[in-house]
Amino acid sequence: MAEHGVLDELNRAIIAELQQDGRRSYAAIAKAVGLSEAAVRQRVQRLLDAGVMQIVAVTDPLQLGFSRQAMIGIRADGDLSKVADKLASLPEVDYVVVTAGSFDLLVELVCNDDDHLLSLLNNSIRTVPGVRDSETFVYLKLAKQTYTWGAR
C-alpha cells in the first residue's frame, strides 16, 4: 500500500473521494481512480486497519440537542500524555491535542447547556491530576468545519 509510511497516489485519490462523500460506493471510487472495485475495497480496508483514516457520520451538535460547545485551553504539570488520556476519557470531550505555546492542551467539549459546561469544568476537568489552570472559549458560532484537506 505505502512504502516507508508514505501514501501512494492511488491511496491519496481514494481518500480524496471519500472526503467528498464518505458513502461513495467502491464502484464509483474505482471508476474515479482507475482501479477495480475489489482493489479499492482492499485499499480502503488497509487504510482503515492502519488508522490512516476512519469513516464516520459527522453531526451538527445543535441539531442533536447539544446547545453549548467550548474549547478549553489547559495549562498542566507533569506528564501531559497522562493528563490528555484522562481528559480524553470524558464522554463529552470530542477533541484533545497536546500543544506548544500558551496552553499545554486544548480540549473541545460538547455540552447540553451552560450548566452542563460548568459541571464539567468544576467536577471533571479541573479535578484531573496535573491540571493547573484552564481558560474556556465558548463557541458562539461555527463559521467553518471541514474534513476535506486531502492527503498530501
N, C-alpha and C. Protein backbone atom coordinates (compact mmCIF):
# COMPACT_ATOMS: atom_id res chain seq x y z
N MET A 1 0.83 -1.19 0.00
CA MET A 1 0.00 0.00 0.00
C MET A 1 0.87 1.25 0.00
N ALA A 2 1.67 1.41 1.00
CA ALA A 2 2.51 2.59 1.11
C ALA A 2 3.89 2.14 1.55
N GLU A 3 4.88 2.73 0.94
CA GLU A 3 6.23 2.35 1.27
C GLU A 3 6.82 3.41 2.19
N HIS A 4 7.50 2.96 3.25
CA HIS A 4 8.12 3.85 4.22
C HIS A 4 7.09 4.81 4.84
N GLY A 5 5.86 4.35 5.00
CA GLY A 5 4.84 5.15 5.65
C GLY A 5 4.27 6.27 4.80
N VAL A 6 4.65 6.35 3.52
CA VAL A 6 4.16 7.41 2.64
C VAL A 6 3.02 6.85 1.79
N LEU A 7 1.92 7.55 1.71
CA LEU A 7 0.78 7.12 0.90
C LEU A 7 1.11 7.24 -0.58
N ASP A 8 0.70 6.25 -1.36
CA ASP A 8 0.89 6.38 -2.80
C ASP A 8 -0.26 7.21 -3.39
N GLU A 9 -0.13 7.56 -4.64
CA GLU A 9 -1.10 8.45 -5.29
C GLU A 9 -2.50 7.84 -5.35
N LEU A 10 -2.59 6.54 -5.54
CA LEU A 10 -3.91 5.90 -5.59
C LEU A 10 -4.62 5.99 -4.24
N ASN A 11 -3.88 5.75 -3.15
CA ASN A 11 -4.49 5.88 -1.83
C ASN A 11 -4.92 7.32 -1.55
N ARG A 12 -4.11 8.26 -1.98
CA ARG A 12 -4.47 9.68 -1.81
C ARG A 12 -5.76 9.99 -2.58
N ALA A 13 -5.87 9.46 -3.78
CA ALA A 13 -7.06 9.69 -4.60
C ALA A 13 -8.29 9.06 -3.96
N ILE A 14 -8.14 7.87 -3.40
CA ILE A 14 -9.25 7.20 -2.72
C ILE A 14 -9.69 8.02 -1.51
N ILE A 15 -8.74 8.49 -0.74
CA ILE A 15 -9.06 9.31 0.44
C ILE A 15 -9.79 10.58 0.01
N ALA A 16 -9.32 11.22 -1.04
CA ALA A 16 -9.97 12.45 -1.52
C ALA A 16 -11.42 12.17 -1.93
N GLU A 17 -11.65 11.05 -2.58
CA GLU A 17 -13.02 10.68 -2.96
C GLU A 17 -13.90 10.50 -1.73
N LEU A 18 -13.39 9.82 -0.71
CA LEU A 18 -14.16 9.57 0.49
C LEU A 18 -14.36 10.85 1.32
N GLN A 19 -13.42 11.78 1.25
CA GLN A 19 -13.59 13.04 1.97
C GLN A 19 -14.71 13.86 1.35
N GLN A 20 -14.94 13.71 0.07
CA GLN A 20 -16.04 14.41 -0.58
C GLN A 20 -17.38 13.79 -0.21
N ASP A 21 -17.40 12.45 -0.08
CA ASP A 21 -18.62 11.74 0.28
C ASP A 21 -18.22 10.39 0.87
N GLY A 22 -18.31 10.27 2.17
CA GLY A 22 -17.92 9.04 2.85
C GLY A 22 -18.80 7.85 2.52
N ARG A 23 -19.94 8.08 1.85
CA ARG A 23 -20.84 7.00 1.46
C ARG A 23 -20.64 6.59 0.00
N ARG A 24 -19.68 7.22 -0.66
CA ARG A 24 -19.44 6.91 -2.07
C ARG A 24 -19.13 5.42 -2.22
N SER A 25 -19.72 4.80 -3.21
CA SER A 25 -19.56 3.35 -3.40
C SER A 25 -18.15 3.02 -3.88
N TYR A 26 -17.74 1.78 -3.60
CA TYR A 26 -16.45 1.32 -4.10
C TYR A 26 -16.41 1.36 -5.62
N ALA A 27 -17.55 1.07 -6.25
CA ALA A 27 -17.60 1.10 -7.72
C ALA A 27 -17.36 2.51 -8.25
N ALA A 28 -17.98 3.51 -7.62
CA ALA A 28 -17.79 4.90 -8.06
C ALA A 28 -16.35 5.35 -7.82
N ILE A 29 -15.78 4.97 -6.69
CA ILE A 29 -14.39 5.33 -6.39
C ILE A 29 -13.47 4.65 -7.40
N ALA A 30 -13.73 3.39 -7.68
CA ALA A 30 -12.91 2.63 -8.64
C ALA A 30 -12.89 3.32 -9.99
N LYS A 31 -14.04 3.75 -10.43
CA LYS A 31 -14.13 4.44 -11.73
C LYS A 31 -13.33 5.74 -11.71
N ALA A 32 -13.41 6.47 -10.60
CA ALA A 32 -12.73 7.76 -10.49
C ALA A 32 -11.21 7.63 -10.43
N VAL A 33 -10.72 6.55 -9.80
CA VAL A 33 -9.27 6.43 -9.60
C VAL A 33 -8.61 5.42 -10.53
N GLY A 34 -9.41 4.69 -11.32
CA GLY A 34 -8.86 3.77 -12.30
C GLY A 34 -8.41 2.43 -11.76
N LEU A 35 -9.10 1.95 -10.73
CA LEU A 35 -8.82 0.63 -10.18
C LEU A 35 -10.08 -0.22 -10.24
N SER A 36 -9.95 -1.51 -9.95
CA SER A 36 -11.13 -2.36 -9.84
C SER A 36 -11.82 -2.08 -8.51
N GLU A 37 -13.09 -2.45 -8.45
CA GLU A 37 -13.84 -2.28 -7.20
C GLU A 37 -13.19 -3.09 -6.08
N ALA A 38 -12.75 -4.29 -6.36
CA ALA A 38 -12.10 -5.14 -5.36
C ALA A 38 -10.81 -4.51 -4.84
N ALA A 39 -10.03 -3.91 -5.74
CA ALA A 39 -8.78 -3.26 -5.33
C ALA A 39 -9.06 -2.06 -4.43
N VAL A 40 -10.10 -1.29 -4.75
CA VAL A 40 -10.47 -0.14 -3.92
C VAL A 40 -10.92 -0.63 -2.54
N ARG A 41 -11.76 -1.66 -2.52
CA ARG A 41 -12.24 -2.21 -1.25
C ARG A 41 -11.07 -2.63 -0.37
N GLN A 42 -10.10 -3.31 -0.97
CA GLN A 42 -8.92 -3.79 -0.23
C GLN A 42 -8.09 -2.61 0.28
N ARG A 43 -7.87 -1.61 -0.55
CA ARG A 43 -7.09 -0.45 -0.14
C ARG A 43 -7.78 0.33 0.98
N VAL A 44 -9.10 0.50 0.86
CA VAL A 44 -9.84 1.21 1.91
C VAL A 44 -9.71 0.45 3.22
N GLN A 45 -9.86 -0.86 3.18
CA GLN A 45 -9.74 -1.65 4.41
C GLN A 45 -8.36 -1.53 5.02
N ARG A 46 -7.31 -1.53 4.18
CA ARG A 46 -5.95 -1.35 4.70
C ARG A 46 -5.77 0.02 5.35
N LEU A 47 -6.32 1.06 4.73
CA LEU A 47 -6.23 2.41 5.29
C LEU A 47 -6.96 2.49 6.63
N LEU A 48 -8.11 1.83 6.71
CA LEU A 48 -8.86 1.79 7.97
C LEU A 48 -8.09 1.02 9.03
N ASP A 49 -7.59 -0.16 8.67
CA ASP A 49 -6.86 -1.01 9.62
C ASP A 49 -5.59 -0.33 10.13
N ALA A 50 -4.94 0.45 9.26
CA ALA A 50 -3.70 1.14 9.64
C ALA A 50 -3.96 2.40 10.46
N GLY A 51 -5.23 2.80 10.58
CA GLY A 51 -5.54 4.01 11.33
C GLY A 51 -5.26 5.28 10.56
N VAL A 52 -5.02 5.17 9.25
CA VAL A 52 -4.76 6.34 8.42
C VAL A 52 -6.02 7.19 8.29
N MET A 53 -7.18 6.53 8.28
CA MET A 53 -8.44 7.25 8.18
C MET A 53 -9.52 6.46 8.90
N GLN A 54 -10.64 7.13 9.12
CA GLN A 54 -11.84 6.49 9.62
C GLN A 54 -13.02 7.08 8.88
N ILE A 55 -14.07 6.31 8.76
CA ILE A 55 -15.27 6.78 8.09
C ILE A 55 -16.36 6.87 9.15
N VAL A 56 -16.84 8.10 9.38
CA VAL A 56 -17.83 8.33 10.44
C VAL A 56 -18.90 9.29 9.94
N ALA A 57 -20.00 9.35 10.68
CA ALA A 57 -21.03 10.35 10.42
C ALA A 57 -20.71 11.57 11.26
N VAL A 58 -20.58 12.72 10.63
CA VAL A 58 -20.32 13.97 11.35
C VAL A 58 -21.67 14.65 11.54
N THR A 59 -21.98 14.96 12.77
CA THR A 59 -23.29 15.54 13.09
C THR A 59 -23.16 17.01 13.46
N ASP A 60 -24.29 17.70 13.46
CA ASP A 60 -24.38 19.06 13.95
C ASP A 60 -24.85 18.99 15.39
N PRO A 61 -23.97 19.28 16.36
CA PRO A 61 -24.34 19.13 17.77
C PRO A 61 -25.61 19.91 18.15
N LEU A 62 -25.81 21.09 17.56
CA LEU A 62 -27.00 21.88 17.88
C LEU A 62 -28.28 21.14 17.53
N GLN A 63 -28.30 20.48 16.39
CA GLN A 63 -29.50 19.76 15.97
C GLN A 63 -29.73 18.49 16.79
N LEU A 64 -28.71 18.04 17.50
CA LEU A 64 -28.87 16.86 18.36
C LEU A 64 -29.16 17.23 19.81
N GLY A 65 -29.34 18.53 20.09
CA GLY A 65 -29.70 18.95 21.44
C GLY A 65 -28.54 19.40 22.30
N PHE A 66 -27.34 19.49 21.73
CA PHE A 66 -26.19 19.98 22.48
C PHE A 66 -26.04 21.47 22.16
N SER A 67 -26.49 22.32 23.07
CA SER A 67 -26.54 23.75 22.76
C SER A 67 -25.26 24.50 23.13
N ARG A 68 -24.29 23.83 23.73
CA ARG A 68 -23.08 24.54 24.12
C ARG A 68 -21.84 23.74 23.72
N GLN A 69 -20.96 24.39 22.96
CA GLN A 69 -19.65 23.84 22.65
C GLN A 69 -18.61 24.82 23.14
N ALA A 70 -17.47 24.28 23.56
CA ALA A 70 -16.41 25.15 24.05
C ALA A 70 -15.06 24.47 23.84
N MET A 71 -14.04 25.30 23.66
CA MET A 71 -12.66 24.84 23.64
C MET A 71 -12.05 25.27 24.97
N ILE A 72 -11.38 24.36 25.62
CA ILE A 72 -10.76 24.65 26.91
C ILE A 72 -9.24 24.60 26.71
N GLY A 73 -8.58 25.71 26.99
CA GLY A 73 -7.13 25.75 26.99
C GLY A 73 -6.66 25.38 28.39
N ILE A 74 -5.77 24.41 28.49
CA ILE A 74 -5.34 23.90 29.79
C ILE A 74 -3.83 24.02 29.94
N ARG A 75 -3.42 24.53 31.09
CA ARG A 75 -2.01 24.51 31.48
C ARG A 75 -1.88 23.39 32.52
N ALA A 76 -0.88 22.55 32.32
CA ALA A 76 -0.77 21.36 33.17
C ALA A 76 0.65 21.16 33.65
N ASP A 77 0.77 20.38 34.71
CA ASP A 77 2.06 19.97 35.26
C ASP A 77 2.20 18.47 35.07
N GLY A 78 3.44 18.00 35.03
CA GLY A 78 3.67 16.56 34.96
C GLY A 78 3.57 16.02 33.55
N ASP A 79 3.23 14.74 33.46
CA ASP A 79 3.17 14.02 32.21
C ASP A 79 1.92 14.43 31.43
N LEU A 80 2.12 15.17 30.34
CA LEU A 80 0.98 15.66 29.56
C LEU A 80 0.19 14.52 28.92
N SER A 81 0.85 13.43 28.60
CA SER A 81 0.13 12.30 28.00
C SER A 81 -0.88 11.72 28.97
N LYS A 82 -0.52 11.64 30.23
CA LYS A 82 -1.46 11.11 31.24
C LYS A 82 -2.64 12.06 31.43
N VAL A 83 -2.37 13.35 31.46
CA VAL A 83 -3.45 14.33 31.59
C VAL A 83 -4.35 14.27 30.37
N ALA A 84 -3.76 14.21 29.19
CA ALA A 84 -4.53 14.13 27.94
C ALA A 84 -5.40 12.88 27.91
N ASP A 85 -4.84 11.74 28.31
CA ASP A 85 -5.60 10.49 28.31
C ASP A 85 -6.79 10.56 29.27
N LYS A 86 -6.58 11.14 30.43
CA LYS A 86 -7.67 11.26 31.42
C LYS A 86 -8.78 12.16 30.87
N LEU A 87 -8.40 13.28 30.27
CA LEU A 87 -9.40 14.19 29.70
C LEU A 87 -10.12 13.54 28.51
N ALA A 88 -9.38 12.80 27.69
CA ALA A 88 -9.97 12.14 26.53
C ALA A 88 -10.99 11.08 26.92
N SER A 89 -10.89 10.57 28.13
CA SER A 89 -11.82 9.53 28.58
C SER A 89 -13.20 10.09 28.94
N LEU A 90 -13.33 11.42 29.05
CA LEU A 90 -14.63 12.02 29.37
C LEU A 90 -15.54 11.94 28.14
N PRO A 91 -16.76 11.46 28.29
CA PRO A 91 -17.64 11.29 27.12
C PRO A 91 -17.97 12.59 26.40
N GLU A 92 -17.96 13.71 27.08
CA GLU A 92 -18.29 14.99 26.46
C GLU A 92 -17.13 15.58 25.66
N VAL A 93 -15.95 15.02 25.81
CA VAL A 93 -14.76 15.50 25.12
C VAL A 93 -14.68 14.84 23.75
N ASP A 94 -14.61 15.66 22.69
CA ASP A 94 -14.51 15.09 21.35
C ASP A 94 -13.17 15.38 20.68
N TYR A 95 -12.29 16.11 21.36
CA TYR A 95 -11.02 16.51 20.74
C TYR A 95 -10.04 16.86 21.85
N VAL A 96 -8.86 16.27 21.81
CA VAL A 96 -7.79 16.61 22.75
C VAL A 96 -6.50 16.67 21.97
N VAL A 97 -5.75 17.74 22.16
CA VAL A 97 -4.47 17.86 21.49
C VAL A 97 -3.45 18.45 22.46
N VAL A 98 -2.23 17.90 22.43
CA VAL A 98 -1.11 18.45 23.19
C VAL A 98 -0.49 19.52 22.31
N THR A 99 -0.26 20.70 22.86
CA THR A 99 0.20 21.82 22.06
C THR A 99 1.50 22.43 22.60
N ALA A 100 2.07 23.29 21.79
CA ALA A 100 3.18 24.14 22.21
C ALA A 100 2.63 25.55 22.22
N GLY A 101 3.01 26.35 23.18
CA GLY A 101 2.52 27.72 23.23
C GLY A 101 1.92 28.04 24.58
N SER A 102 0.89 28.88 24.58
CA SER A 102 0.30 29.36 25.83
C SER A 102 -0.36 28.25 26.65
N PHE A 103 -0.89 27.24 25.97
CA PHE A 103 -1.56 26.14 26.66
C PHE A 103 -0.82 24.84 26.37
N ASP A 104 -0.88 23.94 27.32
CA ASP A 104 -0.29 22.62 27.14
C ASP A 104 -1.22 21.69 26.38
N LEU A 105 -2.53 21.89 26.58
CA LEU A 105 -3.55 21.05 25.96
C LEU A 105 -4.72 21.90 25.51
N LEU A 106 -5.36 21.47 24.44
CA LEU A 106 -6.64 22.04 24.03
C LEU A 106 -7.65 20.90 24.03
N VAL A 107 -8.81 21.16 24.62
CA VAL A 107 -9.85 20.16 24.78
C VAL A 107 -11.17 20.76 24.31
N GLU A 108 -11.85 20.07 23.38
CA GLU A 108 -13.15 20.54 22.93
C GLU A 108 -14.25 19.74 23.61
N LEU A 109 -15.27 20.47 24.08
CA LEU A 109 -16.40 19.86 24.77
C LEU A 109 -17.69 20.10 24.00
N VAL A 110 -18.57 19.13 24.04
CA VAL A 110 -19.92 19.27 23.51
C VAL A 110 -20.85 19.03 24.69
N CYS A 111 -21.63 20.06 25.05
CA CYS A 111 -22.44 20.01 26.27
C CYS A 111 -23.91 20.29 25.98
N ASN A 112 -24.76 19.84 26.91
CA ASN A 112 -26.19 20.10 26.80
C ASN A 112 -26.51 21.59 26.90
N ASP A 113 -25.85 22.26 27.85
CA ASP A 113 -26.13 23.66 28.12
C ASP A 113 -25.03 24.23 29.00
N ASP A 114 -25.18 25.48 29.44
CA ASP A 114 -24.16 26.13 30.27
C ASP A 114 -23.99 25.45 31.63
N ASP A 115 -25.08 24.96 32.22
CA ASP A 115 -24.98 24.25 33.49
C ASP A 115 -24.13 22.98 33.34
N HIS A 116 -24.33 22.28 32.24
CA HIS A 116 -23.54 21.08 31.95
C HIS A 116 -22.06 21.46 31.78
N LEU A 117 -21.78 22.55 31.06
CA LEU A 117 -20.40 23.02 30.88
C LEU A 117 -19.77 23.35 32.22
N LEU A 118 -20.50 24.07 33.06
CA LEU A 118 -19.98 24.44 34.39
C LEU A 118 -19.69 23.20 35.22
N SER A 119 -20.58 22.24 35.19
CA SER A 119 -20.37 21.00 35.93
C SER A 119 -19.13 20.27 35.45
N LEU A 120 -18.95 20.19 34.14
CA LEU A 120 -17.75 19.54 33.59
C LEU A 120 -16.48 20.25 34.01
N LEU A 121 -16.49 21.56 33.93
CA LEU A 121 -15.31 22.33 34.32
C LEU A 121 -14.97 22.10 35.79
N ASN A 122 -15.96 22.21 36.66
CA ASN A 122 -15.72 22.11 38.09
C ASN A 122 -15.44 20.69 38.57
N ASN A 123 -16.18 19.73 38.03
CA ASN A 123 -16.14 18.38 38.58
C ASN A 123 -15.30 17.38 37.78
N SER A 124 -15.05 17.68 36.52
CA SER A 124 -14.36 16.69 35.69
C SER A 124 -13.02 17.16 35.16
N ILE A 125 -12.92 18.41 34.77
CA ILE A 125 -11.69 18.89 34.14
C ILE A 125 -10.71 19.45 35.16
N ARG A 126 -11.15 20.35 35.99
CA ARG A 126 -10.24 20.98 36.96
C ARG A 126 -9.80 20.03 38.07
N THR A 127 -10.47 18.90 38.20
CA THR A 127 -10.09 17.92 39.22
C THR A 127 -9.11 16.87 38.70
N VAL A 128 -8.81 16.89 37.41
CA VAL A 128 -7.85 15.93 36.85
C VAL A 128 -6.46 16.24 37.39
N PRO A 129 -5.77 15.25 37.96
CA PRO A 129 -4.42 15.49 38.47
C PRO A 129 -3.51 16.04 37.37
N GLY A 130 -2.82 17.11 37.67
CA GLY A 130 -1.92 17.74 36.71
C GLY A 130 -2.50 18.99 36.08
N VAL A 131 -3.82 19.15 36.08
CA VAL A 131 -4.43 20.36 35.52
C VAL A 131 -4.16 21.50 36.49
N ARG A 132 -3.42 22.50 36.02
CA ARG A 132 -3.07 23.64 36.85
C ARG A 132 -4.10 24.76 36.73
N ASP A 133 -4.43 25.13 35.51
CA ASP A 133 -5.47 26.12 35.29
C ASP A 133 -6.03 25.96 33.89
N SER A 134 -7.15 26.62 33.64
CA SER A 134 -7.80 26.49 32.35
C SER A 134 -8.43 27.81 31.94
N GLU A 135 -8.63 27.94 30.65
CA GLU A 135 -9.35 29.08 30.10
C GLU A 135 -10.37 28.53 29.11
N THR A 136 -11.61 28.99 29.25
CA THR A 136 -12.70 28.48 28.44
C THR A 136 -13.04 29.43 27.32
N PHE A 137 -13.14 28.89 26.12
CA PHE A 137 -13.53 29.65 24.94
C PHE A 137 -14.87 29.08 24.46
N VAL A 138 -15.95 29.80 24.77
CA VAL A 138 -17.29 29.35 24.42
C VAL A 138 -17.54 29.65 22.95
N TYR A 139 -18.05 28.68 22.21
CA TYR A 139 -18.35 28.86 20.80
C TYR A 139 -19.66 29.64 20.66
N LEU A 140 -19.61 30.73 19.93
CA LEU A 140 -20.82 31.49 19.62
C LEU A 140 -21.41 31.08 18.29
N LYS A 141 -20.53 30.78 17.33
CA LYS A 141 -20.99 30.39 16.00
C LYS A 141 -19.88 29.58 15.34
N LEU A 142 -20.26 28.49 14.71
CA LEU A 142 -19.30 27.69 13.96
C LEU A 142 -19.27 28.23 12.54
N ALA A 143 -18.18 28.90 12.18
CA ALA A 143 -18.07 29.54 10.87
C ALA A 143 -17.60 28.57 9.79
N LYS A 144 -16.78 27.59 10.16
CA LYS A 144 -16.31 26.61 9.19
C LYS A 144 -15.87 25.35 9.92
N GLN A 145 -16.26 24.22 9.35
CA GLN A 145 -15.77 22.93 9.82
C GLN A 145 -15.74 22.02 8.60
N THR A 146 -14.57 21.57 8.24
CA THR A 146 -14.43 20.74 7.06
C THR A 146 -13.42 19.64 7.33
N TYR A 147 -13.56 18.56 6.59
CA TYR A 147 -12.63 17.45 6.72
C TYR A 147 -12.06 17.09 5.35
N THR A 148 -11.99 18.06 4.46
CA THR A 148 -11.58 17.78 3.08
C THR A 148 -10.20 18.34 2.77
N TRP A 149 -9.27 18.14 3.67
CA TRP A 149 -7.92 18.71 3.45
C TRP A 149 -7.07 17.83 2.54
N GLY A 150 -7.58 16.68 2.14
CA GLY A 150 -6.84 15.83 1.22
C GLY A 150 -5.77 15.02 1.92
N ALA A 151 -4.97 14.34 1.13
CA ALA A 151 -3.87 13.50 1.65
C ALA A 151 -2.61 13.88 0.88
N ARG A 152 -1.87 14.81 1.40
CA ARG A 152 -0.69 15.33 0.72
C ARG A 152 0.45 14.34 0.68
